[in-house]
PDB file of N, CA and C in Angstrom:
ATOM      1  N   MET A   1      85.485  89.514  63.354  1.00  0.00           N
ATOM      2  CA  MET A   1      84.125  89.192  63.425  1.00  0.00           C
ATOM      3  C   MET A   1      83.241  89.199  64.082  1.00  0.00           C
ATOM      4  N   LEU A   2      81.810  89.663  63.666  1.00  0.00           N
ATOM      5  CA  LEU A   2      81.172  89.130  65.194  1.00  0.00           C
ATOM      6  C   LEU A   2      80.122  87.790  64.816  1.00  0.00           C
ATOM      7  N   HIS A   3      80.194  86.549  65.206  1.00  0.00           N
ATOM      8  CA  HIS A   3      79.490  85.376  64.366  1.00  0.00           C
ATOM      9  C   HIS A   3      78.039  85.749  64.835  1.00  0.00           C
ATOM     10  N   ASP A   4      76.999  84.755  64.010  1.00  0.00           N
ATOM     11  CA  ASP A   4      75.682  84.408  64.647  1.00  0.00           C
ATOM     12  C   ASP A   4      75.557  84.315  65.706  1.00  0.00           C
ATOM     13  N   GLU A   5      76.330  84.013  66.734  1.00  0.00           N
ATOM     14  CA  GLU A   5      75.628  83.867  68.435  1.00  0.00           C
ATOM     15  C   GLU A   5      75.962  84.483  69.502  1.00  0.00           C
ATOM     16  N   ARG A   6      76.187  85.562  68.967  1.00  0.00           N
ATOM     17  CA  ARG A   6      76.317  86.869  69.678  1.00  0.00           C
ATOM     18  C   ARG A   6      75.074  87.357  70.721  1.00  0.00           C
ATOM     19  N   ILE A   7      75.809  87.453  71.550  1.00  0.00           N
ATOM     20  CA  ILE A   7      75.495  88.067  73.130  1.00  0.00           C
ATOM     21  C   ILE A   7      74.013  88.951  72.486  1.00  0.00           C
ATOM     22  N   LEU A   8      74.573  89.934  72.338  1.00  0.00           N
ATOM     23  CA  LEU A   8      73.765  90.978  71.872  1.00  0.00           C
ATOM     24  C   LEU A   8      73.665  91.177  70.256  1.00  0.00           C
ATOM     25  N   LYS A   9      72.534  91.065  69.956  1.00  0.00           N
ATOM     26  CA  LYS A   9      71.559  90.536  68.552  1.00  0.00           C
ATOM     27  C   LYS A   9      72.108  91.607  67.513  1.00  0.00           C
ATOM     28  N   ASN A  10      72.200  92.958  68.353  1.00  0.00           N
ATOM     29  CA  ASN A  10      71.962  94.113  66.849  1.00  0.00           C
ATOM     30  C   ASN A  10      73.455  94.960  67.065  1.00  0.00           C
ATOM     31  N   LYS A  11      73.576  95.298  65.944  1.00  0.00           N
ATOM     32  CA  LYS A  11      75.069  95.755  66.222  1.00  0.00           C
ATOM     33  C   LYS A  11      74.827  97.047  66.842  1.00  0.00           C
ATOM     34  N   PHE A  12      73.839  97.458  66.559  1.00  0.00           N
ATOM     35  CA  PHE A  12      73.547  98.643  67.785  1.00  0.00           C
ATOM     36  C   PHE A  12      74.316  98.915  68.804  1.00  0.00           C
ATOM     37  N   ALA A  13      73.312  97.168  69.515  1.00  0.00           N
ATOM     38  CA  ALA A  13      73.364  97.026  70.993  1.00  0.00           C
ATOM     39  C   ALA A  13      74.559  97.202  70.987  1.00  0.00           C
ATOM     40  N   TYR A  14      75.824  96.707  69.920  1.00  0.00           N
ATOM     41  CA  TYR A  14      77.352  96.445  70.539  1.00  0.00           C
ATOM     42  C   TYR A  14      77.890  97.663  70.497  1.00  0.00           C
ATOM     43  N   PHE A  15      77.343  98.944  69.465  1.00  0.00           N
ATOM     44  CA  PHE A  15      77.969 100.123  69.195  1.00  0.00           C
ATOM     45  C   PHE A  15      77.856 100.785  70.417  1.00  0.00           C
ATOM     46  N   PHE A  16      76.314 101.013  71.028  1.00  0.00           N
ATOM     47  CA  PHE A  16      76.250 101.895  72.486  1.00  0.00           C
ATOM     48  C   PHE A  16      76.792 101.375  73.278  1.00  0.00           C
ATOM     49  N   THR A  17      76.782 100.049  73.242  1.00  0.00           N
ATOM     50  CA  THR A  17      77.591  99.379  74.577  1.00  0.00           C
ATOM     51  C   THR A  17      79.064 100.016  74.857  1.00  0.00           C
ATOM     52  N   ILE A  18      79.361  99.711  73.826  1.00  0.00           N
ATOM     53  CA  ILE A  18      80.989 100.121  73.316  1.00  0.00           C
ATOM     54  C   ILE A  18      81.467 101.454  73.609  1.00  0.00           C
ATOM     55  N   VAL A  19      80.454 102.587  72.890  1.00  0.00           N
ATOM     56  CA  VAL A  19      80.295 104.208  73.186  1.00  0.00           C
ATOM     57  C   VAL A  19      80.457 104.417  74.753  1.00  0.00           C
ATOM     58  N   PHE A  20      79.443 103.502  75.134  1.00  0.00           N
ATOM     59  CA  PHE A  20      78.806 103.944  77.096  1.00  0.00           C
ATOM     60  C   PHE A  20      79.917 103.279  77.292  1.00  0.00           C
ATOM     61  N   ILE A  21      80.603 102.318  77.640  1.00  0.00           N
ATOM     62  CA  ILE A  21      81.761 101.769  78.495  1.00  0.00           C
ATOM     63  C   ILE A  21      82.634 102.974  78.033  1.00  0.00           C
ATOM     64  N   LEU A  22      83.297 103.393  76.884  1.00  0.00           N
ATOM     65  CA  LEU A  22      84.437 104.011  76.589  1.00  0.00           C
ATOM     66  C   LEU A  22      83.696 105.463  77.398  1.00  0.00           C
ATOM     67  N   GLY A  23      83.156 105.725  77.011  1.00  0.00           N
ATOM     68  CA  GLY A  23      82.678 107.011  77.911  1.00  0.00           C
ATOM     69  C   GLY A  23      82.924 107.379  79.228  1.00  0.00           C
ATOM     70  N   TRP A  24      82.614 106.125  79.787  1.00  0.00           N
ATOM     71  CA  TRP A  24      82.631 106.007  81.450  1.00  0.00           C
ATOM     72  C   TRP A  24      84.508 106.391  81.441  1.00  0.00           C
ATOM     73  N   ILE A  25      84.563 104.919  81.031  1.00  0.00           N
ATOM     74  CA  ILE A  25      86.280 104.751  81.364  1.00  0.00           C
ATOM     75  C   ILE A  25      86.910 106.161  80.899  1.00  0.00           C
ATOM     76  N   ILE A  26      87.050 106.785  80.447  1.00  0.00           N
ATOM     77  CA  ILE A  26      87.671 108.323  80.006  1.00  0.00           C
ATOM     78  C   ILE A  26      87.493 109.124  81.096  1.00  0.00           C
ATOM     79  N   TYR A  27      85.964 108.602  81.643  1.00  0.00           N
ATOM     80  CA  TYR A  27      85.624 109.952  83.038  1.00  0.00           C
ATOM     81  C   TYR A  27      86.394 109.672  84.122  1.00  0.00           C
ATOM     82  N   TYR A  28      86.089 107.854  84.424  1.00  0.00           N
ATOM     83  CA  TYR A  28      87.557 107.409  85.252  1.00  0.00           C
ATOM     84  C   TYR A  28      88.863 107.233  85.232  1.00  0.00           C
ATOM     85  N   SER A  29      89.612 107.794  84.117  1.00  0.00           N
ATOM     86  CA  SER A  29      90.290 107.636  83.963  1.00  0.00           C
ATOM     87  C   SER A  29      90.912 108.756  83.911  1.00  0.00           C
ATOM     88  N   VAL A  30      90.358 109.673  84.444  1.00  0.00           N
ATOM     89  CA  VAL A  30      90.906 111.433  84.473  1.00  0.00           C
ATOM     90  C   VAL A  30      91.075 111.358  85.726  1.00  0.00           C
ATOM     91  N   PHE A  31      90.315 111.059  86.287  1.00  0.00           N
ATOM     92  CA  PHE A  31      90.358 110.834  87.376  1.00  0.00           C
ATOM     93  C   PHE A  31      91.380 109.933  88.036  1.00  0.00           C
ATOM     94  N   ALA A  32      91.828 108.860  88.037  1.00  0.00           N
ATOM     95  CA  ALA A  32      92.874 108.062  87.993  1.00  0.00           C
ATOM     96  C   ALA A  32      94.305 109.053  87.597  1.00  0.00           C
ATOM     97  N   ILE A  33      94.207 109.260  86.453  1.00  0.00           N
ATOM     98  CA  ILE A  33      95.510 109.769  86.145  1.00  0.00           C
ATOM     99  C   ILE A  33      95.899 110.998  87.118  1.00  0.00           C
ATOM    100  N   ASN A  34      94.356 111.952  87.385  1.00  0.00           N
ATOM    101  CA  ASN A  34      94.803 113.338  88.307  1.00  0.00           C
ATOM    102  C   ASN A  34      95.354 112.965  89.385  1.00  0.00           C
ATOM    103  N   ILE A  35      95.105 111.573  90.117  1.00  0.00           N
ATOM    104  CA  ILE A  35      95.028 111.548  91.372  1.00  0.00           C
ATOM    105  C   ILE A  35      96.449 110.058  91.339  1.00  0.00           C
ATOM    106  N   LEU A  36      97.332 109.401  90.532  1.00  0.00           N
ATOM    107  CA  LEU A  36      98.100 108.544  90.594  1.00  0.00           C
ATOM    108  C   LEU A  36      99.477 109.642  89.862  1.00  0.00           C
ATOM    109  N   LEU A  37      99.402 110.498  88.722  1.00  0.00           N
ATOM    110  CA  LEU A  37      99.980 111.012  88.632  1.00  0.00           C
ATOM    111  C   LEU A  37     100.132 112.340  88.665  1.00  0.00           C
ATOM    112  N   ARG A  38      98.994 113.845  89.003  1.00  0.00           N
ATOM    113  CA  ARG A  38      99.467 114.487  89.573  1.00  0.00           C
ATOM    114  C   ARG A  38      99.006 114.597  90.684  1.00  0.00           C
ATOM    115  N   GLY A  39      98.954 113.496  91.555  1.00  0.00           N
ATOM    116  CA  GLY A  39      98.890 113.789  93.039  1.00  0.00           C
ATOM    117  C   GLY A  39      97.795 114.948  93.471  1.00  0.00           C
ATOM    118  N   TYR A  40      96.903 114.912  92.477  1.00  0.00           N
ATOM    119  CA  TYR A  40      95.439 115.812  92.888  1.00  0.00           C
ATOM    120  C   TYR A  40      94.626 114.704  94.481  1.00  0.00           C
ATOM    121  N   ARG A  41      93.980 115.209  95.093  1.00  0.00           N
ATOM    122  CA  ARG A  41      93.501 115.095  96.363  1.00  0.00           C
ATOM    123  C   ARG A  41      92.175 115.419  96.187  1.00  0.00           C
ATOM    124  N   LEU A  42      91.353 114.793  97.066  1.00  0.00           N
ATOM    125  CA  LEU A  42      89.860 114.783  96.765  1.00  0.00           C
ATOM    126  C   LEU A  42      89.763 116.502  97.579  1.00  0.00           C
ATOM    127  N   ALA A  43      88.232 117.018  97.441  1.00  0.00           N
ATOM    128  CA  ALA A  43      88.276 118.278  97.998  1.00  0.00           C
ATOM    129  C   ALA A  43      88.509 117.862  99.538  1.00  0.00           C
ATOM    130  N   GLU A  44      88.331 119.184 100.660  1.00  0.00           N
ATOM    131  CA  GLU A  44      88.125 118.785 101.824  1.00  0.00           C
ATOM    132  C   GLU A  44      86.482 118.226 101.851  1.00  0.00           C
ATOM    133  N   LYS A  45      86.037 119.185 102.440  1.00  0.00           N
ATOM    134  CA  LYS A  45      84.465 117.989 102.317  1.00  0.00           C
ATOM    135  C   LYS A  45      84.269 116.792 102.122  1.00  0.00           C
ATOM    136  N   TYR A  46      85.026 115.979 101.431  1.00  0.00           N
ATOM    137  CA  TYR A  46      85.365 114.296 101.601  1.00  0.00           C
ATOM    138  C   TYR A  46      86.270 113.876 102.195  1.00  0.00           C
ATOM    139  N   VAL A  47      86.866 114.185 103.236  1.00  0.00           N
ATOM    140  CA  VAL A  47      87.759 113.773 104.035  1.00  0.00           C
ATOM    141  C   VAL A  47      87.047 113.132 104.960  1.00  0.00           C
ATOM    142  N   LYS A  48      85.784 112.972 105.364  1.00  0.00           N
ATOM    143  CA  LYS A  48      85.370 111.465 105.948  1.00  0.00           C
ATOM    144  C   LYS A  48      85.001 110.458 105.573  1.00  0.00           C
ATOM    145  N   PHE A  49      84.962 110.641 104.155  1.00  0.00           N
ATOM    146  CA  PHE A  49      84.946 109.222 103.164  1.00  0.00           C
ATOM    147  C   PHE A  49      85.987 109.096 102.160  1.00  0.00           C
ATOM    148  N   ARG A  50      87.253 109.688 102.262  1.00  0.00           N
ATOM    149  CA  ARG A  50      88.126 110.127 101.601  1.00  0.00           C
ATOM    150  C   ARG A  50      88.766 108.740 101.021  1.00  0.00           C
ATOM    151  N   SER A  51      89.343 107.303 102.205  1.00  0.00           N
ATOM    152  CA  SER A  51      89.641 106.354 101.323  1.00  0.00           C
ATOM    153  C   SER A  51      88.512 105.398 100.760  1.00  0.00           C
ATOM    154  N   PHE A  52      87.412 105.940 101.004  1.00  0.00           N
ATOM    155  CA  PHE A  52      86.056 104.921 100.529  1.00  0.00           C
ATOM    156  C   PHE A  52      85.825 104.908  99.317  1.00  0.00           C
ATOM    157  N   ALA A  53      85.807 106.766  99.225  1.00  0.00           N
ATOM    158  CA  ALA A  53      85.763 107.238  97.413  1.00  0.00           C
ATOM    159  C   ALA A  53      87.195 106.650  96.379  1.00  0.00           C
ATOM    160  N   TYR A  54      88.137 106.796  97.045  1.00  0.00           N
ATOM    161  CA  TYR A  54      89.312 106.528  96.695  1.00  0.00           C
ATOM    162  C   TYR A  54      88.566 104.524  96.112  1.00  0.00           C
ATOM    163  N   PHE A  55      88.573 104.284  97.075  1.00  0.00           N
ATOM    164  CA  PHE A  55      88.096 102.722  96.930  1.00  0.00           C
ATOM    165  C   PHE A  55      87.321 101.862  95.985  1.00  0.00           C
ATOM    166  N   LEU A  56      86.054 103.016  95.800  1.00  0.00           N
ATOM    167  CA  LEU A  56      85.416 103.012  94.739  1.00  0.00           C
ATOM    168  C   LEU A  56      85.496 103.378  93.470  1.00  0.00           C
ATOM    169  N   ASN A  57      86.302 104.616  93.322  1.00  0.00           N
ATOM    170  CA  ASN A  57      86.339 105.304  92.116  1.00  0.00           C
ATOM    171  C   ASN A  57      88.058 104.402  90.996  1.00  0.00           C
ATOM    172  N   PHE A  58      88.671 103.826  91.813  1.00  0.00           N
ATOM    173  CA  PHE A  58      89.232 102.612  91.407  1.00  0.00           C
ATOM    174  C   PHE A  58      88.726 101.087  90.868  1.00  0.00           C
ATOM    175  N   THR A  59      87.915 101.271  91.407  1.00  0.00           N
ATOM    176  CA  THR A  59      87.061 100.083  91.590  1.00  0.00           C
ATOM    177  C   THR A  59      86.672 100.212  90.598  1.00  0.00           C
ATOM    178  N   VAL A  60      85.766 101.108  89.934  1.00  0.00           N
ATOM    179  CA  VAL A  60      84.525 101.409  88.689  1.00  0.00           C
ATOM    180  C   VAL A  60      86.091 101.036  88.095  1.00  0.00           C
ATOM    181  N   PHE A  61      86.485 102.053  87.666  1.00  0.00           N
ATOM    182  CA  PHE A  61      87.908 102.176  86.771  1.00  0.00           C
ATOM    183  C   PHE A  61      88.455 100.712  86.517  1.00  0.00           C
ATOM    184  N   VAL A  62      88.563  99.836  86.751  1.00  0.00           N
ATOM    185  CA  VAL A  62      89.306  97.919  86.960  1.00  0.00           C
ATOM    186  C   VAL A  62      87.736  97.692  86.656  1.00  0.00           C
ATOM    187  N   LEU A  63      86.603  97.735  87.080  1.00  0.00           N
ATOM    188  CA  LEU A  63      85.616  96.677  86.112  1.00  0.00           C
ATOM    189  C   LEU A  63      85.276  97.275  85.116  1.00  0.00           C
ATOM    190  N   LEU A  64      85.121  99.027  84.613  1.00  0.00           N
ATOM    191  CA  LEU A  64      84.657  99.266  83.200  1.00  0.00           C
ATOM    192  C   LEU A  64      86.026  98.531  82.447  1.00  0.00           C
ATOM    193  N   ILE A  65      87.444  98.391  82.412  1.00  0.00           N
ATOM    194  CA  ILE A  65      87.863  98.089  81.834  1.00  0.00           C
ATOM    195  C   ILE A  65      87.890  96.386  81.513  1.00  0.00           C
ATOM    196  N   VAL A  66      87.331  95.621  82.546  1.00  0.00           N
ATOM    197  CA  VAL A  66      87.356  94.777  82.425  1.00  0.00           C
ATOM    198  C   VAL A  66      85.997  94.437  81.346  1.00  0.00           C
ATOM    199  N   THR A  67      84.872  95.517  81.961  1.00  0.00           N
ATOM    200  CA  THR A  67      84.033  95.097  80.938  1.00  0.00           C
ATOM    201  C   THR A  67      84.105  95.687  79.697  1.00  0.00           C
ATOM    202  N   PHE A  68      84.783  96.555  79.006  1.00  0.00           N
ATOM    203  CA  PHE A  68      84.950  96.723  77.993  1.00  0.00           C
ATOM    204  C   PHE A  68      85.937  95.061  77.322  1.00  0.00           C
ATOM    205  N   VAL A  69      86.837  94.933  78.205  1.00  0.00           N
ATOM    206  CA  VAL A  69      86.908  93.374  77.294  1.00  0.00           C
ATOM    207  C   VAL A  69      86.351  92.482  77.164  1.00  0.00           C
ATOM    208  N   HIS A  70      85.477  92.521  77.983  1.00  0.00           N
ATOM    209  CA  HIS A  70      84.521  90.757  77.643  1.00  0.00           C
ATOM    210  C   HIS A  70      83.395  91.631  76.435  1.00  0.00           C
ATOM    211  N   ILE A  71      83.523  92.790  76.692  1.00  0.00           N
ATOM    212  CA  ILE A  71      82.188  92.703  75.134  1.00  0.00           C
ATOM    213  C   ILE A  71      83.357  92.446  74.140  1.00  0.00           C
ATOM    214  N   PHE A  72      84.352  92.550  73.886  1.00  0.00           N
ATOM    215  CA  PHE A  72      85.285  92.107  72.657  1.00  0.00           C
ATOM    216  C   PHE A  72      85.228  90.687  72.558  1.00  0.00           C
ATOM    217  N   LYS A  73      85.213  89.539  73.864  1.00  0.00           N
ATOM    218  CA  LYS A  73      85.181  88.496  74.234  1.00  0.00           C
ATOM    219  C   LYS A  73      83.696  87.902  74.150  1.00  0.00           C
ATOM    220  N   GLU A  74      82.710  89.042  73.443  1.00  0.00           N
ATOM    221  CA  GLU A  74      81.134  88.208  73.389  1.00  0.00           C
ATOM    222  C   GLU A  74      81.106  87.897  74.321  1.00  0.00           C
ATOM    223  N   SER A  75      81.371  87.707  76.056  1.00  0.00           N
ATOM    224  CA  SER A  75      81.413  86.888  76.872  1.00  0.00           C
ATOM    225  C   SER A  75      79.969  87.330  77.156  1.00  0.00           C
ATOM    226  N   LYS A  76      79.043  86.358  78.210  1.00  0.00           N
ATOM    227  CA  LYS A  76      77.753  86.719  79.161  1.00  0.00           C
ATOM    228  C   LYS A  76      78.167  87.356  80.652  1.00  0.00           C
ATOM    229  N   LYS A  77      79.961  87.128  80.840  1.00  0.00           N
ATOM    230  CA  LYS A  77      80.155  87.611  82.255  1.00  0.00           C
ATOM    231  C   LYS A  77      80.215  89.591  82.019  1.00  0.00           C
ATOM    232  N   ILE A  78      79.788  89.894  81.028  1.00  0.00           N
ATOM    233  CA  ILE A  78      79.342  91.404  80.584  1.00  0.00           C
ATOM    234  C   ILE A  78      78.455  91.852  81.396  1.00  0.00           C
ATOM    235  N   PHE A  79      77.514  91.091  81.215  1.00  0.00           N
ATOM    236  CA  PHE A  79      76.339  91.585  81.995  1.00  0.00           C
ATOM    237  C   PHE A  79      76.711  91.793  83.554  1.00  0.00           C
ATOM    238  N   ILE A  80      77.294  90.637  84.317  1.00  0.00           N
ATOM    239  CA  ILE A  80      77.824  90.826  85.656  1.00  0.00           C
ATOM    240  C   ILE A  80      78.527  92.359  85.899  1.00  0.00           C
ATOM    241  N   TYR A  81      79.406  92.348  84.989  1.00  0.00           N
ATOM    242  CA  TYR A  81      80.368  93.151  85.208  1.00  0.00           C
ATOM    243  C   TYR A  81      80.039  94.942  85.333  1.00  0.00           C
ATOM    244  N   LEU A  82      78.877  94.798  84.094  1.00  0.00           N
ATOM    245  CA  LEU A  82      78.562  95.630  84.093  1.00  0.00           C
ATOM    246  C   LEU A  82      77.076  96.321  84.966  1.00  0.00           C
ATOM    247  N   ASN A  83      76.953  95.139  85.423  1.00  0.00           N
ATOM    248  CA  ASN A  83      75.538  95.423  86.819  1.00  0.00           C
ATOM    249  C   ASN A  83      76.269  95.844  87.828  1.00  0.00           C
ATOM    250  N   ILE A  84      76.960  95.779  88.294  1.00  0.00           N
ATOM    251  CA  ILE A  84      78.199  95.288  89.422  1.00  0.00           C
ATOM    252  C   ILE A  84      79.119  97.187  89.408  1.00  0.00           C
ATOM    253  N   THR A  85      79.674  97.377  87.969  1.00  0.00           N
ATOM    254  CA  THR A  85      79.429  98.755  88.022  1.00  0.00           C
ATOM    255  C   THR A  85      78.670  99.471  88.122  1.00  0.00           C
ATOM    256  N   SER A  86      77.630  99.495  87.602  1.00  0.00           N
ATOM    257  CA  SER A  86      76.408 100.551  87.116  1.00  0.00           C
ATOM    258  C   SER A  86      76.145 101.142  88.979  1.00  0.00           C
ATOM    259  N   PHE A  87      76.066  99.669  89.633  1.00  0.00           N
ATOM    260  CA  PHE A  87      75.722 100.039  90.840  1.00  0.00           C
ATOM    261  C   PHE A  87      76.612 100.783  91.796  1.00  0.00           C
ATOM    262  N   LEU A  88      77.617 100.476  91.790  1.00  0.00           N
ATOM    263  CA  LEU A  88      79.378 101.184  92.276  1.00  0.00           C
ATOM    264  C   LEU A  88      78.809 102.806  91.830  1.00  0.00           C
ATOM    265  N   ILE A  89      78.804 103.102  90.535  1.00  0.00           N
ATOM    266  CA  ILE A  89      78.863 103.909  90.139  1.00  0.00           C
ATOM    267  C   ILE A  89      77.275 105.007  90.857  1.00  0.00           C
ATOM    268  N   VAL A  90      76.265 104.390  91.312  1.00  0.00           N
ATOM    269  CA  VAL A  90      75.021 104.861  91.957  1.00  0.00           C
ATOM    270  C   VAL A  90      75.579 105.324  93.208  1.00  0.00           C
ATOM    271  N   ILE A  91      76.096 104.099  93.951  1.00  0.00           N
ATOM    272  CA  ILE A  91      77.030 104.469  95.237  1.00  0.00           C
ATOM    273  C   ILE A  91      77.377 105.811  95.165  1.00  0.00           C
ATOM    274  N   LEU A  92      79.127 106.200  94.200  1.00  0.00           N
ATOM    275  CA  LEU A  92      79.700 107.119  94.263  1.00  0.00           C
ATOM    276  C   LEU A  92      78.412 108.044  93.900  1.00  0.00           C
ATOM    277  N   GLY A  93      77.927 108.390  93.259  1.00  0.00           N
ATOM    278  CA  GLY A  93      76.885 109.418  92.835  1.00  0.00           C
ATOM    279  C   GLY A  93      75.956 110.100  94.114  1.00  0.00           C
ATOM    280  N   SER A  94      75.144 109.143  94.777  1.00  0.00           N
ATOM    281  CA  SER A  94      75.012 109.071  96.409  1.00  0.00           C
ATOM    282  C   SER A  94      75.815 109.539  97.089  1.00  0.00           C
ATOM    283  N   LEU A  95      77.185 109.421  97.535  1.00  0.00           N
ATOM    284  CA  LEU A  95      78.331 110.162  98.187  1.00  0.00           C
ATOM    285  C   LEU A  95      78.046 111.293  97.998  1.00  0.00           C
ATOM    286  N   SER A  96      78.470 111.595  96.868  1.00  0.00           N
ATOM    287  CA  SER A  96      78.796 112.845  96.038  1.00  0.00           C
ATOM    288  C   SER A  96      77.309 113.700  96.349  1.00  0.00           C
ATOM    289  N   PHE A  97      76.221 112.886  96.455  1.00  0.00           N
ATOM    290  CA  PHE A  97      75.324 113.892  96.319  1.00  0.00           C
ATOM    291  C   PHE A  97      75.109 114.534  98.410  1.00  0.00           C
ATOM    292  N   TYR A  98      75.767 113.134  98.783  1.00  0.00           N
ATOM    293  CA  TYR A  98      75.280 113.510 100.462  1.00  0.00           C
ATOM    294  C   TYR A  98      76.568 114.593 100.825  1.00  0.00           C
ATOM    295  N   MET A  99      77.762 114.436 100.100  1.00  0.00           N
ATOM    296  CA  MET A  99      78.602 114.996 100.661  1.00  0.00           C
ATOM    297  C   MET A  99      78.386 116.993 100.415  1.00  0.00           C
ATOM    298  N   ASN A 100      77.905 117.312  99.278  1.00  0.00           N
ATOM    299  CA  ASN A 100      77.585 117.977  98.891  1.00  0.00           C
ATOM    300  C   ASN A 100      75.841 118.526  98.863  1.00  0.00           C
ATOM    301  N   TYR A 101      75.065 117.892  99.513  1.00  0.00           N
ATOM    302  CA  TYR A 101      73.950 118.583 100.028  1.00  0.00           C
ATOM    303  C   TYR A 101      73.710 118.264 101.790  1.00  0.00           C
ATOM    304  N   GLY A 102      75.101 118.173 102.231  1.00  0.00           N
ATOM    305  CA  GLY A 102      74.650 117.592 103.751  1.00  0.00           C
ATOM    306  C   GLY A 102      73.751 117.120 104.576  1.00  0.00           C
ATOM    307  N   GLU A 103      73.515 118.719 104.801  1.00  0.00           N
ATOM    308  CA  GLU A 103      72.431 119.582 105.697  1.00  0.00           C
ATOM    309  C   GLU A 103      71.148 119.347 105.450  1.00  0.00           C
ATOM    310  N   LEU A 104      70.793 119.333 104.091  1.00  0.00           N
ATOM    311  CA  LEU A 104      69.528 119.357 102.821  1.00  0.00           C
ATOM    312  C   LEU A 104      69.304 118.539 102.577  1.00  0.00           C
ATOM    313  N   TRP A 105      70.303 116.929 103.001  1.00  0.00           N
ATOM    314  CA  TRP A 105      69.791 115.762 102.265  1.00  0.00           C
ATOM    315  C   TRP A 105      68.308 115.226 103.060  1.00  0.00           C
ATOM    316  N   LYS A 106      67.782 115.826 103.986  1.00  0.00           N
ATOM    317  CA  LYS A 106      66.461 114.838 104.210  1.00  0.00           C
ATOM    318  C   LYS A 106      64.866 115.963 102.975  1.00  0.00           C
ATOM    319  N   THR A 107      65.679 117.315 103.046  1.00  0.00           N
ATOM    320  CA  THR A 107      64.840 118.074 102.613  1.00  0.00           C
ATOM    321  C   THR A 107      64.956 117.662 100.508  1.00  0.00           C
ATOM    322  N   TYR A 108      66.245 117.314 100.320  1.00  0.00           N
ATOM    323  CA  TYR A 108      66.385 116.635  99.030  1.00  0.00           C
ATOM    324  C   TYR A 108      65.060 115.765  99.147  1.00  0.00           C
ATOM    325  N   ILE A 109      65.329 114.878  99.726  1.00  0.00           N
ATOM    326  CA  ILE A 109      64.642 113.796  99.553  1.00  0.00           C
ATOM    327  C   ILE A 109      63.312 113.621  99.943  1.00  0.00           C
ATOM    328  N   LYS A 110      63.299 114.785 100.350  1.00  0.00           N
ATOM    329  CA  LYS A 110      61.339 114.536 100.368  1.00  0.00           C
ATOM    330  C   LYS A 110      60.755 115.089  99.301  1.00  0.00           C
ATOM    331  N   SER A 111      61.666 115.953  98.403  1.00  0.00           N
ATOM    332  CA  SER A 111      60.906 117.110  97.753  1.00  0.00           C
ATOM    333  C   SER A 111      61.382 115.443  96.363  1.00  0.00           C
ATOM    334  N   PHE A 112      62.187 115.108  96.184  1.00  0.00           N
ATOM    335  CA  PHE A 112      62.404 113.598  95.373  1.00  0.00           C
ATOM    336  C   PHE A 112      61.147 112.696  95.226  1.00  0.00           C
ATOM    337  N   LEU A 113      60.551 112.332  96.966  1.00  0.00           N
ATOM    338  CA  LEU A 113      59.573 111.139  96.957  1.00  0.00           C
ATOM    339  C   LEU A 113      58.378 111.947  96.473  1.00  0.00           C
ATOM    340  N   ILE A 114      58.456 113.376  96.384  1.00  0.00           N
ATOM    341  CA  ILE A 114      56.946 114.052  96.596  1.00  0.00           C
ATOM    342  C   ILE A 114      56.477 113.789  95.167  1.00  0.00           C
ATOM    343  N   THR A 115      57.730 114.067  94.089  1.00  0.00           N
ATOM    344  CA  THR A 115      57.637 114.314  92.898  1.00  0.00           C
ATOM    345  C   THR A 115      57.524 112.773  92.228  1.00  0.00           C
ATOM    346  N   LEU A 116      58.369 112.106  92.601  1.00  0.00           N
ATOM    347  CA  LEU A 116      58.063 110.795  92.277  1.00  0.00           C
ATOM    348  C   LEU A 116      56.250 110.694  92.487  1.00  0.00           C
ATOM    349  N   ARG A 117      55.627 110.483  93.067  1.00  0.00           N
ATOM    350  CA  ARG A 117      54.800 110.473  93.638  1.00  0.00           C
ATOM    351  C   ARG A 117      53.389 110.840  92.523  1.00  0.00           C
ATOM    352  N   ARG A 118      53.444 112.412  92.431  1.00  0.00           N
ATOM    353  CA  ARG A 118      52.635 113.479  91.666  1.00  0.00           C
ATOM    354  C   ARG A 118      53.261 112.989  90.695  1.00  0.00           C
ATOM    355  N   ASN A 119      54.231 112.133  89.910  1.00  0.00           N
ATOM    356  CA  ASN A 119      54.109 112.116  88.446  1.00  0.00           C
ATOM    357  C   ASN A 119      53.556 110.421  88.525  1.00  0.00           C
ATOM    358  N   ARG A 120      53.720 109.996  89.511  1.00  0.00           N
ATOM    359  CA  ARG A 120      52.855 108.280  89.294  1.00  0.00           C
ATOM    360  C   ARG A 120      51.653 108.368  89.632  1.00  0.00           C
ATOM    361  N   ASN A 121      50.380 109.528  89.838  1.00  0.00           N
ATOM    362  CA  ASN A 121      49.150 109.313  90.120  1.00  0.00           C
ATOM    363  C   ASN A 121      48.592 110.463  88.694  1.00  0.00           C
ATOM    364  N   THR A 122      49.440 111.149  87.919  1.00  0.00           N
ATOM    365  CA  THR A 122      49.168 111.584  86.653  1.00  0.00           C
ATOM    366  C   THR A 122      49.009 110.520  85.541  1.00  0.00           C
TER     367      THR A 122
END
């Protein structure tokens, strides 16, 4: 049972955090299971960053589990682990974007920045 001095004051915040973390754990556990048990490998376009991508994926998976445990401990470390995990997920997304759109990287970044500028002015 949650006590009155809990970190996240609202019950919905706990529920949302648990569902959010659990969703990401499921996503990264599928990757870990496919690599460890089924012997899957990353696509050939990721050869350059293969070990870095594996390391980041497994690190994110472990940090998500640690974050999930700290939610139920009601520890303030949840925010540290959640921020580190979010940062690593952004790095993985950027790596994936770079590998998928390698030569068009500059074009997409310019169009993204122009879109941000237009939205800011309106």
